[in-house]
Protein backbone atom coordinates (compact mmCIF):
# COMPACT_ATOMS: atom_id res chain seq x y z
CA UNK A 1 -0.10 0.09 -0.03
CA UNK A 2 1.17 3.26 -0.64
CA UNK A 3 1.46 5.96 2.16
CA UNK A 4 -2.05 6.76 3.79
CA UNK A 5 -3.26 10.05 5.25
CA UNK A 6 -6.29 10.57 6.10
CA UNK A 7 -7.81 13.82 7.89
CA UNK A 8 -10.59 15.94 8.60
CA UNK A 9 -11.26 18.89 10.92
CA UNK A 10 -11.35 16.57 13.95
CA UNK A 11 -8.73 14.06 13.48
CA UNK A 12 -5.75 12.97 11.31
CA UNK A 13 -4.43 9.31 10.36
CA UNK A 14 -1.01 9.05 9.21
CA UNK A 15 1.14 6.09 9.13
CA UNK A 16 2.98 5.30 12.68
CA UNK A 17 6.58 6.06 12.72
CA UNK A 18 9.74 5.60 15.13
CA UNK A 19 9.40 9.40 16.09
CA UNK A 20 5.91 8.29 17.54
CA UNK A 21 7.51 6.63 20.28
CA UNK A 22 7.58 9.07 22.94
CA UNK A 23 4.04 10.11 22.16
CA UNK A 24 2.71 6.63 22.18
CA UNK A 25 4.24 6.06 25.41
CA UNK A 26 2.41 9.19 27.05
CA UNK A 27 -0.91 8.24 25.44
CA UNK A 28 -0.74 4.48 26.12
CA UNK A 29 0.40 4.79 29.84
CA UNK A 30 -3.27 3.95 31.41
CA UNK A 31 -4.03 0.43 32.29
CA UNK A 32 -7.90 0.89 31.57
CA UNK A 33 -6.79 1.04 28.03
CA UNK A 34 -5.40 -2.78 27.56
CA UNK A 35 -7.79 -5.41 29.57
CA UNK A 36 -9.36 -6.25 25.97
CA UNK A 37 -6.34 -5.81 23.73
CA UNK A 38 -3.45 -8.45 22.97
CA UNK A 39 -0.80 -6.07 23.88
CA UNK A 40 -0.42 -3.71 26.69
CA UNK A 41 1.96 -0.51 26.09
CA UNK A 42 2.34 0.61 30.00
CA UNK A 43 6.17 1.03 28.99
CA UNK A 44 8.54 2.67 26.63
CA UNK A 45 10.27 -0.88 25.55
CA UNK A 46 6.87 -2.51 24.70
CA UNK A 47 5.95 0.83 22.85
CA UNK A 48 9.24 0.47 20.70
CA UNK A 49 8.56 -2.87 20.04
CA UNK A 50 4.94 -2.29 19.16
CA UNK A 51 6.02 0.52 16.65
CA UNK A 52 9.09 -1.47 15.18
CA UNK A 53 6.58 -4.65 14.47
CA UNK A 54 3.68 -2.23 12.96
CA UNK A 55 6.52 -0.80 10.77
CA UNK A 56 7.92 -3.99 9.43
CA UNK A 57 4.35 -5.50 9.04
CA UNK A 58 3.38 -2.23 7.12
CA UNK A 59 6.76 -2.75 4.87
CA UNK A 60 5.56 -6.33 4.49
CA UNK A 61 2.01 -5.62 3.50
CA UNK A 62 0.73 -7.27 6.26
CA UNK A 63 -0.90 -4.74 8.25
CA UNK A 64 -1.08 -0.80 8.28
CA UNK A 65 -0.97 1.17 11.58
CA UNK A 66 -2.07 4.65 11.70
CA UNK A 67 -1.27 7.02 14.55
CA UNK A 68 -4.45 8.89 15.35
CA UNK A 69 -3.64 12.96 16.14
CA UNK A 70 -6.23 14.93 17.67
CA UNK A 71 -7.02 18.15 15.15
CA UNK A 72 -7.58 20.31 18.10
CA UNK A 73 -4.58 19.49 20.46
CA UNK A 74 -2.09 18.38 18.06
CA UNK A 75 -1.58 15.17 20.31
CA UNK A 76 -1.19 11.77 19.49
CA UNK A 77 -4.34 10.14 21.14
CA UNK A 78 -4.04 6.31 20.21
CA UNK A 79 -3.50 4.12 17.21
CA UNK A 80 -5.73 1.83 14.69
CA UNK A 81 -5.02 -0.52 11.97
CA UNK A 82 -5.74 -2.25 8.73
CA UNK A 83 -5.17 -5.72 9.25
CA UNK A 84 -5.54 -9.27 7.64
CA UNK A 85 -5.14 -6.87 4.21
CA UNK A 86 -6.25 -9.13 1.15
CA UNK A 87 -6.63 -6.86 -1.57
CA UNK A 88 -7.02 -9.36 -4.24
CA UNK A 89 -10.01 -10.52 -2.48
CA UNK A 90 -11.05 -6.72 -1.93
CA UNK A 91 -11.24 -6.98 1.90
CA UNK A 92 -9.36 -5.93 5.08
CA UNK A 93 -10.06 -5.64 8.66
CA UNK A 94 -10.02 -2.17 10.84
CA UNK A 95 -8.73 -3.18 14.22
CA UNK A 96 -6.02 -3.30 16.91
CA UNK A 97 -7.79 0.63 17.94
CA UNK A 98 -7.16 1.99 21.33
CA UNK A 99 -7.36 5.67 22.23
CA UNK A 100 -6.07 7.39 25.37
CA UNK A 101 -9.01 7.74 28.00
CA UNK A 102 -9.23 11.34 27.89
CA UNK A 103 -10.57 11.16 24.26
CA UNK A 104 -13.06 8.11 24.96
CA UNK A 105 -16.53 9.04 24.25
CA UNK A 106 -15.66 11.87 22.12
CA UNK A 107 -15.74 12.53 18.23
CA UNK A 108 -12.44 10.98 17.60
CA UNK A 109 -13.29 7.41 17.25
CA UNK A 110 -16.51 8.17 14.98
CA UNK A 111 -14.44 10.28 12.59
CA UNK A 112 -11.43 7.82 12.53
CA UNK A 113 -13.83 4.84 11.72
CA UNK A 114 -15.53 6.98 8.91
CA UNK A 115 -12.09 8.13 7.40
CA UNK A 116 -11.09 4.70 7.26
CA UNK A 117 -14.34 3.43 5.69
CA UNK A 118 -14.50 5.92 3.26
CA UNK A 119 -11.08 5.28 2.24
CA UNK A 120 -11.70 1.45 2.04
CA UNK A 121 -15.02 1.90 -0.07
CA UNK A 122 -14.27 4.68 -1.98
CA UNK A 123 -10.50 4.52 -2.79
CA UNK A 124 -9.71 1.00 -2.42
CA UNK A 125 -13.32 -0.18 -3.90
CA UNK A 126 -13.21 -2.81 -1.33
CA UNK A 127 -16.17 -5.30 -1.29
CA UNK A 128 -15.60 -6.13 2.89
CA UNK A 129 -14.39 -4.63 5.81
CA UNK A 130 -14.45 -6.56 8.86
CA UNK A 131 -14.36 -5.70 12.53
CA UNK A 132 -14.18 -7.78 15.27
CA UNK A 133 -13.98 -7.73 19.09
CA UNK A 134 -13.90 -9.85 22.40
CA UNK A 135 -17.12 -11.19 23.71
CA UNK A 136 -16.50 -9.53 26.84
CA UNK A 137 -15.85 -5.89 25.44
CA UNK A 138 -19.54 -4.77 25.56
CA UNK A 139 -18.53 -0.93 25.02
CA UNK A 140 -16.57 -2.14 21.78
CA UNK A 141 -19.35 -4.03 20.85
CA UNK A 142 -21.82 -1.10 21.12
CA UNK A 143 -19.40 1.26 19.42
CA UNK A 144 -19.52 -1.30 16.38
CA UNK A 145 -22.99 -1.50 16.14
CA UNK A 146 -23.57 2.25 16.48
CA UNK A 147 -21.69 2.95 13.23
CA UNK A 148 -23.98 0.27 11.34
CA UNK A 149 -21.54 -2.87 11.18
CA UNK A 150 -23.68 -5.75 10.74
CA UNK A 151 -23.11 -8.76 13.51
CA UNK A 152 -22.12 -11.77 11.67
CA UNK A 153 -21.82 -14.14 14.71
CA UNK A 154 -19.23 -15.50 17.31
CA UNK A 155 -16.41 -17.57 16.69
CA UNK A 156 -16.31 -19.59 19.84
CA UNK A 157 -12.80 -20.10 21.62
CA UNK A 158 -11.06 -18.28 19.01
CA UNK A 159 -8.27 -16.87 21.07
CA UNK A 160 -6.12 -17.22 24.05
CA UNK A 161 -5.92 -13.92 25.95
CA UNK A 162 -2.68 -12.48 27.01
CA UNK A 163 -3.58 -13.48 30.79
CA UNK A 164 -4.35 -16.93 29.46
CA UNK A 165 -8.20 -17.26 29.39
CA UNK A 166 -10.31 -18.08 26.09
CA UNK A 167 -11.89 -15.01 24.10
CA UNK A 168 -15.02 -15.86 21.87
CA UNK A 169 -14.79 -13.30 19.16
CA UNK A 170 -17.59 -11.41 17.63
CA UNK A 171 -17.56 -10.82 14.07
CA UNK A 172 -18.98 -7.71 12.37
CA UNK A 173 -18.58 -6.22 8.72
CA UNK A 174 -19.69 -3.76 6.34
CA UNK A 175 -20.17 -4.48 2.65
CA UNK A 176 -19.74 -2.25 -0.26
CA UNK A 177 -23.67 -2.59 -0.61
CA UNK A 178 -24.06 -1.13 2.95
CA UNK A 179 -21.79 1.79 2.43
CA UNK A 180 -24.34 4.40 1.28
CA UNK A 181 -26.32 3.76 4.10
CA UNK A 182 -23.66 3.59 6.72
CA UNK A 183 -22.20 6.55 5.26
CA UNK A 184 -25.38 8.64 5.55
CA UNK A 185 -25.48 7.23 9.21
CA UNK A 186 -22.00 8.81 9.77
CA UNK A 187 -22.84 11.85 8.26
CA UNK A 188 -25.83 12.38 10.24
CA UNK A 189 -23.75 11.57 13.40
CA UNK A 190 -20.96 14.13 12.65
CA UNK A 191 -22.86 17.17 11.89
C-alpha cells in the first residue's frame, strides 16, 4: 500500500513512525486501555517493540498502523490499523484500535472510523471490511453496532488472551452494498 494520510477537521490519521514512540508512550500509559487488547503498552520498551513491529508489517504488506492525532490539540491520542489485508479479495479488517481515556466518548473514534471506511470503499473499492472484538468487550460491541456494522456471529474459543483465558470473538462487517447507508449514518452523526 502507498502512504496513506487521512484527515478532516477533527482527526488526522497518518502512518505510525519511530518518532511517535515517546508520544505513544505518554498516550498509552493508562491501564484502563489494555484489558481487552492483545498488547499492553505501559512502558517504553513495549511501545518501541510495538512501533517497530508495525513498521515491519507495513513494509511487508501484512498490516498498516495509523497514529491518531487529535486536530484540536495536535496530540497523538491512539492508534488504529488495517489488518488481514487481502486486496486480491477486496477485503481487510479495521482493528487493534486504542485511544487514551481522555478522548473516550468524544468524536475521535467516530471520525476515525468514517475516514477509514470511506478510504476502504471509495478509494480502495473494497467489497468487505470486517471489525471484530472480544465477547466481554461490550463497550466495543456497542460502538461497532452504532456505526452500522452487521453482526455476523461469534467465533467460539477463537483466541487465548494474554492472561491465558479464552476469548470468543464477535465478528462484524460492512460490505460495499451497505456503505451508502452507513456513510449517511456517519454524516448524520458527525454534523
